[in-house]
C-alpha atoms as a PDB file:
ATOM      1  CA  UNK A   1      -2.969-107.989 -11.941  1.00  0.00           C
ATOM      2  CA  UNK A   2       0.412-107.833 -13.548  1.00  0.00           C
ATOM      3  CA  UNK A   3       0.722-109.331 -16.959  1.00  0.00           C
ATOM      4  CA  UNK A   4       3.557-110.574 -18.987  1.00  0.00           C
ATOM      5  CA  UNK A   5       3.233-109.223 -22.566  1.00  0.00           C
ATOM      6  CA  UNK A   6       4.738-110.101 -25.676  1.00  0.00           C
ATOM      7  CA  UNK A   7       4.937-106.950 -27.767  1.00  0.00           C
ATOM      8  CA  UNK A   8       5.999-105.912 -31.283  1.00  0.00           C
ATOM      9  CA  UNK A   9       7.280-102.387 -31.763  1.00  0.00           C
ATOM     10  CA  UNK A  10       6.892-100.202 -34.834  1.00  0.00           C
ATOM     11  CA  UNK A  11      10.090-101.647 -36.358  1.00  0.00           C
ATOM     12  CA  UNK A  12       8.734-105.366 -36.037  1.00  0.00           C
ATOM     13  CA  UNK A  13      10.739-106.320 -32.982  1.00  0.00           C
ATOM     14  CA  UNK A  14       9.273-108.409 -30.378  1.00  0.00           C
ATOM     15  CA  UNK A  15      10.013-107.924 -26.708  1.00  0.00           C
ATOM     16  CA  UNK A  16       8.723-109.501 -23.435  1.00  0.00           C
ATOM     17  CA  UNK A  17       7.426-106.919 -20.768  1.00  0.00           C
ATOM     18  CA  UNK A  18       6.032-107.284 -17.125  1.00  0.00           C
ATOM     19  CA  UNK A  19       3.557-104.385 -16.832  1.00  0.00           C
ATOM     20  CA  UNK A  20       1.016-103.311 -14.486  1.00  0.00           C
ATOM     21  CA  UNK A  21      -2.315-101.922 -16.384  1.00  0.00           C
ATOM     22  CA  UNK A  22      -3.673 -98.725 -15.372  1.00  0.00           C
ATOM     23  CA  UNK A  23      -5.996 -97.711 -18.149  1.00  0.00           C
ATOM     24  CA  UNK A  24      -7.038 -97.760 -21.772  1.00  0.00           C
ATOM     25  CA  UNK A  25      -7.030 -94.715 -23.985  1.00  0.00           C
ATOM     26  CA  UNK A  26      -7.927 -94.054 -27.648  1.00  0.00           C
ATOM     27  CA  UNK A  27      -6.212 -91.735 -29.912  1.00  0.00           C
ATOM     28  CA  UNK A  28      -6.447 -91.269 -33.683  1.00  0.00           C
ATOM     29  CA  UNK A  29      -8.558 -94.302 -33.918  1.00  0.00           C
ATOM     30  CA  UNK A  30      -6.127 -96.618 -31.920  1.00  0.00           C
ATOM     31  CA  UNK A  31      -6.427 -98.173 -28.522  1.00  0.00           C
ATOM     32  CA  UNK A  32      -3.668 -98.270 -26.062  1.00  0.00           C
ATOM     33  CA  UNK A  33      -2.931 -99.930 -22.648  1.00  0.00           C
ATOM     34  CA  UNK A  34      -1.263 -97.386 -20.527  1.00  0.00           C
ATOM     35  CA  UNK A  35       0.864 -99.412 -17.710  1.00  0.00           C
ATOM     36  CA  UNK A  36       3.755 -99.082 -15.446  1.00  0.00           C
ATOM     37  CA  UNK A  37       6.455-101.206 -17.289  1.00  0.00           C
ATOM     38  CA  UNK A  38       8.515-103.083 -14.620  1.00  0.00           C
ATOM     39  CA  UNK A  39      10.844-104.041 -17.566  1.00  0.00           C
ATOM     40  CA  UNK A  40      11.563-100.258 -18.259  1.00  0.00           C
ATOM     41  CA  UNK A  41      10.662 -98.655 -14.822  1.00  0.00           C
ATOM     42  CA  UNK A  42       8.515 -96.239 -16.430  1.00  0.00           C
ATOM     43  CA  UNK A  43       5.156 -95.496 -17.726  1.00  0.00           C
ATOM     44  CA  UNK A  44       4.384 -96.919 -21.126  1.00  0.00           C
ATOM     45  CA  UNK A  45       1.685 -97.031 -23.894  1.00  0.00           C
ATOM     46  CA  UNK A  46       1.037-100.182 -25.745  1.00  0.00           C
ATOM     47  CA  UNK A  47      -0.769-100.191 -28.985  1.00  0.00           C
ATOM     48  CA  UNK A  48      -3.422-103.016 -28.378  1.00  0.00           C
ATOM     49  CA  UNK A  49      -2.957-104.286 -31.969  1.00  0.00           C
ATOM     50  CA  UNK A  50       0.921-104.675 -31.232  1.00  0.00           C
ATOM     51  CA  UNK A  51       0.417-106.847 -28.124  1.00  0.00           C
ATOM     52  CA  UNK A  52       1.085-110.598 -29.634  1.00  0.00           C
ATOM     53  CA  UNK A  53       0.404-112.422 -26.238  1.00  0.00           C
ATOM     54  CA  UNK A  54      -0.845-111.367 -22.684  1.00  0.00           C
ATOM     55  CA  UNK A  55      -0.888-113.606 -19.535  1.00  0.00           C
ATOM     56  CA  UNK A  56      -1.286-112.836 -15.882  1.00  0.00           C
ATOM     57  CA  UNK A  57       1.906-113.658 -13.827  1.00  0.00           C
ATOM     58  CA  UNK A  58      -0.089-114.298 -10.576  1.00  0.00           C
ATOM     59  CA  UNK A  59       1.261-111.281  -8.754  1.00  0.00           C
ATOM     60  CA  UNK A  60      -0.953-108.122  -7.711  1.00  0.00           C
ATOM     61  CA  UNK A  61      -0.197-104.910  -9.629  1.00  0.00           C
ATOM     62  CA  UNK A  62       0.468-101.643  -7.788  1.00  0.00           C
ATOM     63  CA  UNK A  63      -2.265 -98.863  -8.258  1.00  0.00           C
ATOM     64  CA  UNK A  64      -0.841 -96.357 -10.503  1.00  0.00           C
ATOM     65  CA  UNK A  65      -2.214 -92.710 -11.365  1.00  0.00           C
ATOM     66  CA  UNK A  66      -3.069 -92.810 -15.022  1.00  0.00           C
ATOM     67  CA  UNK A  67      -2.356 -89.213 -15.597  1.00  0.00           C
ATOM     68  CA  UNK A  68       0.970 -89.587 -14.025  1.00  0.00           C
ATOM     69  CA  UNK A  69       1.882 -92.597 -16.269  1.00  0.00           C
ATOM     70  CA  UNK A  70       0.637 -90.704 -19.394  1.00  0.00           C
ATOM     71  CA  UNK A  71       2.956 -87.729 -18.509  1.00  0.00           C
ATOM     72  CA  UNK A  72       5.982 -90.089 -18.055  1.00  0.00           C
ATOM     73  CA  UNK A  73       5.292 -92.249 -21.193  1.00  0.00           C
ATOM     74  CA  UNK A  74       6.052 -92.064 -24.961  1.00  0.00           C
ATOM     75  CA  UNK A  75       2.078 -91.446 -25.342  1.00  0.00           C
ATOM     76  CA  UNK A  76       2.699 -88.076 -23.739  1.00  0.00           C
ATOM     77  CA  UNK A  77       3.817 -86.767 -27.322  1.00  0.00           C
ATOM     78  CA  UNK A  78       0.972 -88.835 -28.975  1.00  0.00           C
ATOM     79  CA  UNK A  79      -2.303 -87.357 -30.141  1.00  0.00           C
ATOM     80  CA  UNK A  80      -4.541 -86.334 -27.274  1.00  0.00           C
ATOM     81  CA  UNK A  81      -6.934 -89.134 -26.216  1.00  0.00           C
ATOM     82  CA  UNK A  82     -10.429 -88.931 -27.119  1.00  0.00           C
ATOM     83  CA  UNK A  83     -11.291 -91.426 -24.441  1.00  0.00           C
ATOM     84  CA  UNK A  84      -9.669 -92.389 -21.365  1.00  0.00           C
ATOM     85  CA  UNK A  85     -11.004 -94.856 -18.810  1.00  0.00           C
ATOM     86  CA  UNK A  86      -8.829 -96.116 -15.635  1.00  0.00           C
ATOM     87  CA  UNK A  87      -8.870 -99.634 -14.789  1.00  0.00           C
ATOM     88  CA  UNK A  88      -8.780 -98.925 -11.114  1.00  0.00           C
ATOM     89  CA  UNK A  89     -12.217 -98.494  -9.458  1.00  0.00           C
ATOM     90  CA  UNK A  90     -12.931 -95.109  -8.033  1.00  0.00           C
ATOM     91  CA  UNK A  91     -12.702 -94.870  -4.102  1.00  0.00           C
END
């Protein structure tokens, strides 16, 4: 399910994003939602403690490969995840 997020970045700026969640990861003691961001048209990592609000928009999300999203996201330069979990059930 696609979500509308209200997200606060490191500078304290809030933005609204429509995302297609693909997985969760933990790195350096923090949790991240890894998703295809429809707003930015790219893979992105969203720190869970910076998501101010999240709500489904009633549209189905496309399946995304979690590893590919990580390669294209800002999370690719982050600390390597200690745990990674896809939100898509295996075939």
